[in-house]
Amino acid sequence: MRTLRIAAAVEAISLAALLLNLVTVHTKAITTLGGPVHGMCYLTVIVCTWMTPTTSTARWLAAIPGIGGLLVLRRIQPQGA
C-alpha cells in the first residue's frame, strides 16, 4: 500500500507538471525528466493495483492516467480510515 500511495502521488504531480510545462514555457528538460517519471509511476500504480486483492472496478480505475492511482486508493481504503 505504501508503494501505491507514493506512486499515485508522484504520478499526479508529474502529470500536472508536464501539462503546466506544455501550456507555459515548454522547457525540454522538464519534458525529458517528467515523461519517464510519469510513465514509470503510471505502470507502478497499475502493477500495485493488480497485486492488491481488490475488485475489478479498482483495477480498471488504475488505468486512468494521472488520477487513477488516487481513485484506486480512495476505492480500496477502509471506510473507517
PDB file of N, CA and C in Angstrom:
ATOM      1  N   MET A   1       0.816  -1.195   0.000  1.00  0.00           N
ATOM      2  CA  MET A   1       0.000   0.000   0.000  1.00  0.00           C
ATOM      3  C   MET A   1       0.861   1.261   0.000  1.00  0.00           C
ATOM      4  N   ARG A   2       1.988   1.212   0.689  1.00  0.00           N
ATOM      5  CA  ARG A   2       2.852   2.393   0.747  1.00  0.00           C
ATOM      6  C   ARG A   2       3.379   2.729  -0.640  1.00  0.00           C
ATOM      7  N   THR A   3       3.797   1.723  -1.373  1.00  0.00           N
ATOM      8  CA  THR A   3       4.304   1.942  -2.730  1.00  0.00           C
ATOM      9  C   THR A   3       3.213   2.521  -3.614  1.00  0.00           C
ATOM     10  N   LEU A   4       2.011   2.019  -3.480  1.00  0.00           N
ATOM     11  CA  LEU A   4       0.886   2.522  -4.269  1.00  0.00           C
ATOM     12  C   LEU A   4       0.592   3.983  -3.938  1.00  0.00           C
ATOM     13  N   ARG A   5       0.642   4.337  -2.660  1.00  0.00           N
ATOM     14  CA  ARG A   5       0.395   5.733  -2.265  1.00  0.00           C
ATOM     15  C   ARG A   5       1.442   6.673  -2.853  1.00  0.00           C
ATOM     16  N   ILE A   6       2.706   6.285  -2.752  1.00  0.00           N
ATOM     17  CA  ILE A   6       3.788   7.128  -3.262  1.00  0.00           C
ATOM     18  C   ILE A   6       3.692   7.251  -4.773  1.00  0.00           C
ATOM     19  N   ALA A   7       3.487   6.129  -5.455  1.00  0.00           N
ATOM     20  CA  ALA A   7       3.409   6.147  -6.919  1.00  0.00           C
ATOM     21  C   ALA A   7       2.210   6.963  -7.397  1.00  0.00           C
ATOM     22  N   ALA A   8       1.094   6.869  -6.711  1.00  0.00           N
ATOM     23  CA  ALA A   8      -0.094   7.635  -7.108  1.00  0.00           C
ATOM     24  C   ALA A   8       0.137   9.128  -6.958  1.00  0.00           C
ATOM     25  N   ALA A   9       0.778   9.521  -5.875  1.00  0.00           N
ATOM     26  CA  ALA A   9       1.053  10.945  -5.664  1.00  0.00           C
ATOM     27  C   ALA A   9       2.041  11.481  -6.694  1.00  0.00           C
ATOM     28  N   VAL A  10       3.113  10.751  -6.926  1.00  0.00           N
ATOM     29  CA  VAL A  10       4.115  11.197  -7.896  1.00  0.00           C
ATOM     30  C   VAL A  10       3.540  11.202  -9.307  1.00  0.00           C
ATOM     31  N   GLU A  11       2.680  10.247  -9.615  1.00  0.00           N
ATOM     32  CA  GLU A  11       2.049  10.215 -10.929  1.00  0.00           C
ATOM     33  C   GLU A  11       1.202  11.466 -11.169  1.00  0.00           C
ATOM     34  N   ALA A  12       0.390  11.822 -10.191  1.00  0.00           N
ATOM     35  CA  ALA A  12      -0.471  13.002 -10.331  1.00  0.00           C
ATOM     36  C   ALA A  12       0.350  14.285 -10.408  1.00  0.00           C
ATOM     37  N   ILE A  13       1.368  14.393  -9.573  1.00  0.00           N
ATOM     38  CA  ILE A  13       2.214  15.591  -9.571  1.00  0.00           C
ATOM     39  C   ILE A  13       2.997  15.710 -10.867  1.00  0.00           C
ATOM     40  N   SER A  14       3.537  14.596 -11.354  1.00  0.00           N
ATOM     41  CA  SER A  14       4.326  14.655 -12.589  1.00  0.00           C
ATOM     42  C   SER A  14       3.449  14.985 -13.801  1.00  0.00           C
ATOM     43  N   LEU A  15       2.226  14.481 -13.822  1.00  0.00           N
ATOM     44  CA  LEU A  15       1.328  14.838 -14.924  1.00  0.00           C
ATOM     45  C   LEU A  15       0.971  16.317 -14.878  1.00  0.00           C
ATOM     46  N   ALA A  16       0.717  16.822 -13.680  1.00  0.00           N
ATOM     47  CA  ALA A  16       0.416  18.248 -13.538  1.00  0.00           C
ATOM     48  C   ALA A  16       1.597  19.100 -13.987  1.00  0.00           C
ATOM     49  N   ALA A  17       2.808  18.685 -13.632  1.00  0.00           N
ATOM     50  CA  ALA A  17       3.998  19.435 -14.049  1.00  0.00           C
ATOM     51  C   ALA A  17       4.182  19.382 -15.564  1.00  0.00           C
ATOM     52  N   LEU A  18       3.934  18.231 -16.164  1.00  0.00           N
ATOM     53  CA  LEU A  18       4.061  18.107 -17.618  1.00  0.00           C
ATOM     54  C   LEU A  18       3.034  18.970 -18.345  1.00  0.00           C
ATOM     55  N   LEU A  19       1.804  18.970 -17.876  1.00  0.00           N
ATOM     56  CA  LEU A  19       0.770  19.780 -18.518  1.00  0.00           C
ATOM     57  C   LEU A  19       1.016  21.273 -18.310  1.00  0.00           C
ATOM     58  N   LEU A  20       1.465  21.637 -17.122  1.00  0.00           N
ATOM     59  CA  LEU A  20       1.787  23.037 -16.862  1.00  0.00           C
ATOM     60  C   LEU A  20       2.946  23.495 -17.747  1.00  0.00           C
ATOM     61  N   ASN A  21       3.930  22.643 -17.911  1.00  0.00           N
ATOM     62  CA  ASN A  21       5.052  22.945 -18.790  1.00  0.00           C
ATOM     63  C   ASN A  21       4.580  23.076 -20.237  1.00  0.00           C
ATOM     64  N   LEU A  22       3.655  22.261 -20.627  1.00  0.00           N
ATOM     65  CA  LEU A  22       3.153  22.292 -22.000  1.00  0.00           C
ATOM     66  C   LEU A  22       2.435  23.595 -22.328  1.00  0.00           C
ATOM     67  N   VAL A  23       1.652  24.095 -21.392  1.00  0.00           N
ATOM     68  CA  VAL A  23       0.883  25.311 -21.670  1.00  0.00           C
ATOM     69  C   VAL A  23       1.650  26.598 -21.371  1.00  0.00           C
ATOM     70  N   THR A  24       2.822  26.492 -20.737  1.00  0.00           N
ATOM     71  CA  THR A  24       3.582  27.715 -20.437  1.00  0.00           C
ATOM     72  C   THR A  24       4.864  27.775 -21.262  1.00  0.00           C
ATOM     73  N   VAL A  25       5.983  27.402 -20.682  1.00  0.00           N
ATOM     74  CA  VAL A  25       7.289  27.633 -21.307  1.00  0.00           C
ATOM     75  C   VAL A  25       7.766  26.496 -22.205  1.00  0.00           C
ATOM     76  N   HIS A  26       7.253  25.301 -22.029  1.00  0.00           N
ATOM     77  CA  HIS A  26       7.633  24.114 -22.796  1.00  0.00           C
ATOM     78  C   HIS A  26       9.153  23.891 -22.783  1.00  0.00           C
ATOM     79  N   THR A  27       9.705  23.789 -21.587  1.00  0.00           N
ATOM     80  CA  THR A  27      11.122  23.526 -21.394  1.00  0.00           C
ATOM     81  C   THR A  27      11.406  22.054 -21.671  1.00  0.00           C
ATOM     82  N   LYS A  28      12.394  21.804 -22.526  1.00  0.00           N
ATOM     83  CA  LYS A  28      12.723  20.438 -22.925  1.00  0.00           C
ATOM     84  C   LYS A  28      13.206  19.596 -21.735  1.00  0.00           C
ATOM     85  N   ALA A  29      13.925  20.205 -20.796  1.00  0.00           N
ATOM     86  CA  ALA A  29      14.456  19.466 -19.647  1.00  0.00           C
ATOM     87  C   ALA A  29      13.332  18.907 -18.776  1.00  0.00           C
ATOM     88  N   ILE A  30      12.278  19.676 -18.590  1.00  0.00           N
ATOM     89  CA  ILE A  30      11.151  19.206 -17.780  1.00  0.00           C
ATOM     90  C   ILE A  30      10.452  18.048 -18.475  1.00  0.00           C
ATOM     91  N   THR A  31      10.294  18.167 -19.777  1.00  0.00           N
ATOM     92  CA  THR A  31       9.663  17.091 -20.541  1.00  0.00           C
ATOM     93  C   THR A  31      10.521  15.831 -20.530  1.00  0.00           C
ATOM     94  N   THR A  32      11.820  15.998 -20.679  1.00  0.00           N
ATOM     95  CA  THR A  32      12.738  14.863 -20.713  1.00  0.00           C
ATOM     96  C   THR A  32      12.761  14.117 -19.390  1.00  0.00           C
ATOM     97  N   LEU A  33      12.677  14.828 -18.284  1.00  0.00           N
ATOM     98  CA  LEU A  33      12.685  14.188 -16.976  1.00  0.00           C
ATOM     99  C   LEU A  33      11.288  13.739 -16.551  1.00  0.00           C
ATOM    100  N   GLY A  34      10.296  14.581 -16.779  1.00  0.00           N
ATOM    101  CA  GLY A  34       8.947  14.303 -16.300  1.00  0.00           C
ATOM    102  C   GLY A  34       8.237  13.178 -17.025  1.00  0.00           C
ATOM    103  N   GLY A  35       8.502  13.022 -18.309  1.00  0.00           N
ATOM    104  CA  GLY A  35       7.837  11.970 -19.084  1.00  0.00           C
ATOM    105  C   GLY A  35       8.121  10.567 -18.571  1.00  0.00           C
ATOM    106  N   PRO A  36       9.408  10.196 -18.450  1.00  0.00           N
ATOM    107  CA  PRO A  36       9.709   8.862 -17.917  1.00  0.00           C
ATOM    108  C   PRO A  36       9.277   8.662 -16.460  1.00  0.00           C
ATOM    109  N   VAL A  37       9.367   9.718 -15.655  1.00  0.00           N
ATOM    110  CA  VAL A  37       8.933   9.608 -14.259  1.00  0.00           C
ATOM    111  C   VAL A  37       7.431   9.319 -14.204  1.00  0.00           C
ATOM    112  N   HIS A  38       6.663  10.061 -14.993  1.00  0.00           N
ATOM    113  CA  HIS A  38       5.221   9.842 -15.022  1.00  0.00           C
ATOM    114  C   HIS A  38       4.899   8.439 -15.551  1.00  0.00           C
ATOM    115  N   GLY A  39       5.581   8.019 -16.587  1.00  0.00           N
ATOM    116  CA  GLY A  39       5.330   6.701 -17.169  1.00  0.00           C
ATOM    117  C   GLY A  39       5.618   5.563 -16.203  1.00  0.00           C
ATOM    118  N   MET A  40       6.727   5.661 -15.494  1.00  0.00           N
ATOM    119  CA  MET A  40       7.059   4.601 -14.541  1.00  0.00           C
ATOM    120  C   MET A  40       6.088   4.577 -13.361  1.00  0.00           C
ATOM    121  N   CYS A  41       5.675   5.745 -12.902  1.00  0.00           N
ATOM    122  CA  CYS A  41       4.700   5.785 -11.813  1.00  0.00           C
ATOM    123  C   CYS A  41       3.346   5.246 -12.266  1.00  0.00           C
ATOM    124  N   TYR A  42       2.976   5.543 -13.490  1.00  0.00           N
ATOM    125  CA  TYR A  42       1.725   5.032 -14.062  1.00  0.00           C
ATOM    126  C   TYR A  42       1.742   3.497 -14.088  1.00  0.00           C
ATOM    127  N   LEU A  43       2.839   2.935 -14.562  1.00  0.00           N
ATOM    128  CA  LEU A  43       2.958   1.474 -14.594  1.00  0.00           C
ATOM    129  C   LEU A  43       3.016   0.884 -13.193  1.00  0.00           C
ATOM    130  N   THR A  44       3.685   1.559 -12.271  1.00  0.00           N
ATOM    131  CA  THR A  44       3.766   1.080 -10.894  1.00  0.00           C
ATOM    132  C   THR A  44       2.384   1.048 -10.247  1.00  0.00           C
ATOM    133  N   VAL A  45       1.578   2.064 -10.495  1.00  0.00           N
ATOM    134  CA  VAL A  45       0.215   2.096  -9.952  1.00  0.00           C
ATOM    135  C   VAL A  45      -0.593   0.922 -10.498  1.00  0.00           C
ATOM    136  N   ILE A  46      -0.481   0.660 -11.777  1.00  0.00           N
ATOM    137  CA  ILE A  46      -1.229  -0.456 -12.370  1.00  0.00           C
ATOM    138  C   ILE A  46      -0.790  -1.789 -11.780  1.00  0.00           C
ATOM    139  N   VAL A  47       0.513  -2.002 -11.682  1.00  0.00           N
ATOM    140  CA  VAL A  47       1.026  -3.271 -11.149  1.00  0.00           C
ATOM    141  C   VAL A  47       0.656  -3.436  -9.677  1.00  0.00           C
ATOM    142  N   CYS A  48       0.821  -2.394  -8.890  1.00  0.00           N
ATOM    143  CA  CYS A  48       0.476  -2.486  -7.465  1.00  0.00           C
ATOM    144  C   CYS A  48      -1.012  -2.746  -7.265  1.00  0.00           C
ATOM    145  N   THR A  49      -1.831  -2.146  -8.112  1.00  0.00           N
ATOM    146  CA  THR A  49      -3.278  -2.373  -8.002  1.00  0.00           C
ATOM    147  C   THR A  49      -3.620  -3.817  -8.336  1.00  0.00           C
ATOM    148  N   TRP A  50      -2.994  -4.366  -9.360  1.00  0.00           N
ATOM    149  CA  TRP A  50      -3.275  -5.756  -9.730  1.00  0.00           C
ATOM    150  C   TRP A  50      -2.752  -6.734  -8.686  1.00  0.00           C
ATOM    151  N   MET A  51      -1.728  -6.348  -7.939  1.00  0.00           N
ATOM    152  CA  MET A  51      -1.189  -7.230  -6.897  1.00  0.00           C
ATOM    153  C   MET A  51      -1.998  -7.147  -5.603  1.00  0.00           C
ATOM    154  N   THR A  52      -2.801  -6.114  -5.445  1.00  0.00           N
ATOM    155  CA  THR A  52      -3.617  -5.932  -4.257  1.00  0.00           C
ATOM    156  C   THR A  52      -4.962  -6.639  -4.454  1.00  0.00           C
ATOM    157  N   PRO A  53      -5.422  -7.367  -3.466  1.00  0.00           N
ATOM    158  CA  PRO A  53      -6.735  -8.013  -3.609  1.00  0.00           C
ATOM    159  C   PRO A  53      -7.853  -6.965  -3.572  1.00  0.00           C
ATOM    160  N   THR A  54      -8.316  -6.584  -4.758  1.00  0.00           N
ATOM    161  CA  THR A  54      -9.367  -5.574  -4.875  1.00  0.00           C
ATOM    162  C   THR A  54     -10.423  -6.046  -5.852  1.00  0.00           C
ATOM    163  N   THR A  55     -11.410  -5.204  -6.066  1.00  0.00           N
ATOM    164  CA  THR A  55     -12.447  -5.506  -7.045  1.00  0.00           C
ATOM    165  C   THR A  55     -11.932  -5.160  -8.444  1.00  0.00           C
ATOM    166  N   SER A  56     -12.619  -5.649  -9.435  1.00  0.00           N
ATOM    167  CA  SER A  56     -12.211  -5.357 -10.806  1.00  0.00           C
ATOM    168  C   SER A  56     -12.422  -3.890 -11.150  1.00  0.00           C
ATOM    169  N   THR A  57     -13.354  -3.224 -10.463  1.00  0.00           N
ATOM    170  CA  THR A  57     -13.574  -1.795 -10.706  1.00  0.00           C
ATOM    171  C   THR A  57     -12.330  -0.995 -10.341  1.00  0.00           C
ATOM    172  N   ALA A  58     -11.707  -1.331  -9.228  1.00  0.00           N
ATOM    173  CA  ALA A  58     -10.488  -0.632  -8.811  1.00  0.00           C
ATOM    174  C   ALA A  58      -9.365  -0.880  -9.807  1.00  0.00           C
ATOM    175  N   ARG A  59      -9.323  -2.059 -10.358  1.00  0.00           N
ATOM    176  CA  ARG A  59      -8.268  -2.359 -11.345  1.00  0.00           C
ATOM    177  C   ARG A  59      -8.453  -1.541 -12.611  1.00  0.00           C
ATOM    178  N   TRP A  60      -9.679  -1.330 -13.021  1.00  0.00           N
ATOM    179  CA  TRP A  60      -9.920  -0.505 -14.207  1.00  0.00           C
ATOM    180  C   TRP A  60      -9.646   0.962 -13.912  1.00  0.00           C
ATOM    181  N   LEU A  61      -9.888   1.390 -12.686  1.00  0.00           N
ATOM    182  CA  LEU A  61      -9.604   2.773 -12.324  1.00  0.00           C
ATOM    183  C   LEU A  61      -8.111   3.078 -12.399  1.00  0.00           C
ATOM    184  N   ALA A  62      -7.277   2.085 -12.138  1.00  0.00           N
ATOM    185  CA  ALA A  62      -5.826   2.284 -12.180  1.00  0.00           C
ATOM    186  C   ALA A  62      -5.347   2.639 -13.577  1.00  0.00           C
ATOM    187  N   ALA A  63      -6.110   2.317 -14.594  1.00  0.00           N
ATOM    188  CA  ALA A  63      -5.702   2.578 -15.969  1.00  0.00           C
ATOM    189  C   ALA A  63      -5.930   4.028 -16.402  1.00  0.00           C
ATOM    190  N   ILE A  64      -6.550   4.837 -15.546  1.00  0.00           N
ATOM    191  CA  ILE A  64      -6.773   6.243 -15.882  1.00  0.00           C
ATOM    192  C   ILE A  64      -5.483   7.007 -15.585  1.00  0.00           C
ATOM    193  N   PRO A  65      -4.877   7.620 -16.594  1.00  0.00           N
ATOM    194  CA  PRO A  65      -3.612   8.335 -16.360  1.00  0.00           C
ATOM    195  C   PRO A  65      -3.808   9.554 -15.464  1.00  0.00           C
ATOM    196  N   GLY A  66      -2.863   9.755 -14.572  1.00  0.00           N
ATOM    197  CA  GLY A  66      -2.875  10.943 -13.727  1.00  0.00           C
ATOM    198  C   GLY A  66      -3.603  10.773 -12.421  1.00  0.00           C
ATOM    199  N   ILE A  67      -4.881  10.467 -12.456  1.00  0.00           N
ATOM    200  CA  ILE A  67      -5.673  10.383 -11.225  1.00  0.00           C
ATOM    201  C   ILE A  67      -6.107   8.964 -10.892  1.00  0.00           C
ATOM    202  N   GLY A  68      -5.757   8.009 -11.728  1.00  0.00           N
ATOM    203  CA  GLY A  68      -6.191   6.633 -11.492  1.00  0.00           C
ATOM    204  C   GLY A  68      -5.708   6.070 -10.174  1.00  0.00           C
ATOM    205  N   GLY A  69      -4.471   6.335  -9.828  1.00  0.00           N
ATOM    206  CA  GLY A  69      -3.931   5.841  -8.566  1.00  0.00           C
ATOM    207  C   GLY A  69      -4.641   6.432  -7.361  1.00  0.00           C
ATOM    208  N   LEU A  70      -4.957   7.707  -7.448  1.00  0.00           N
ATOM    209  CA  LEU A  70      -5.673   8.352  -6.352  1.00  0.00           C
ATOM    210  C   LEU A  70      -7.087   7.795  -6.213  1.00  0.00           C
ATOM    211  N   LEU A  71      -7.729   7.507  -7.347  1.00  0.00           N
ATOM    212  CA  LEU A  71      -9.068   6.915  -7.311  1.00  0.00           C
ATOM    213  C   LEU A  71      -9.032   5.500  -6.733  1.00  0.00           C
ATOM    214  N   VAL A  72      -7.993   4.750  -7.067  1.00  0.00           N
ATOM    215  CA  VAL A  72      -7.854   3.393  -6.526  1.00  0.00           C
ATOM    216  C   VAL A  72      -7.667   3.449  -5.019  1.00  0.00           C
ATOM    217  N   LEU A  73      -6.816   4.352  -4.557  1.00  0.00           N
ATOM    218  CA  LEU A  73      -6.602   4.477  -3.113  1.00  0.00           C
ATOM    219  C   LEU A  73      -7.898   4.818  -2.393  1.00  0.00           C
ATOM    220  N   ARG A  74      -8.677   5.684  -2.990  1.00  0.00           N
ATOM    221  CA  ARG A  74      -9.959   6.067  -2.387  1.00  0.00           C
ATOM    222  C   ARG A  74     -10.918   4.875  -2.364  1.00  0.00           C
ATOM    223  N   ARG A  75     -10.871   4.053  -3.401  1.00  0.00           N
ATOM    224  CA  ARG A  75     -11.786   2.907  -3.508  1.00  0.00           C
ATOM    225  C   ARG A  75     -11.426   1.800  -2.530  1.00  0.00           C
ATOM    226  N   ILE A  76     -10.123   1.545  -2.317  1.00  0.00           N
ATOM    227  CA  ILE A  76      -9.733   0.365  -1.524  1.00  0.00           C
ATOM    228  C   ILE A  76      -9.488   0.675  -0.054  1.00  0.00           C
ATOM    229  N   GLN A  77      -9.487   1.939   0.360  1.00  0.00           N
ATOM    230  CA  GLN A  77      -9.294   2.241   1.765  1.00  0.00           C
ATOM    231  C   GLN A  77     -10.518   1.844   2.569  1.00  0.00           C
ATOM    232  N   PRO A  78     -10.285   1.366   3.776  1.00  0.00           N
ATOM    233  CA  PRO A  78     -11.423   1.011   4.634  1.00  0.00           C
ATOM    234  C   PRO A  78     -12.274   2.238   4.948  1.00  0.00           C
ATOM    235  N   GLN A  79     -13.542   2.046   5.207  1.00  0.00           N
ATOM    236  CA  GLN A  79     -14.466   3.150   5.451  1.00  0.00           C
ATOM    237  C   GLN A  79     -14.108   3.942   6.698  1.00  0.00           C
ATOM    238  N   GLY A  80     -13.566   3.295   7.723  1.00  0.00           N
ATOM    239  CA  GLY A  80     -13.242   3.986   8.962  1.00  0.00           C
ATOM    240  C   GLY A  80     -11.948   4.763   8.935  1.00  0.00           C
ATOM    241  N   ALA A  81     -11.085   4.513   7.942  1.00  0.00           N
ATOM    242  CA  ALA A  81      -9.758   5.166   7.933  1.00  0.00           C
ATOM    243  C   ALA A  81      -9.803   6.504   7.282  1.00  0.00           C
TER     244      ALA A  81
END
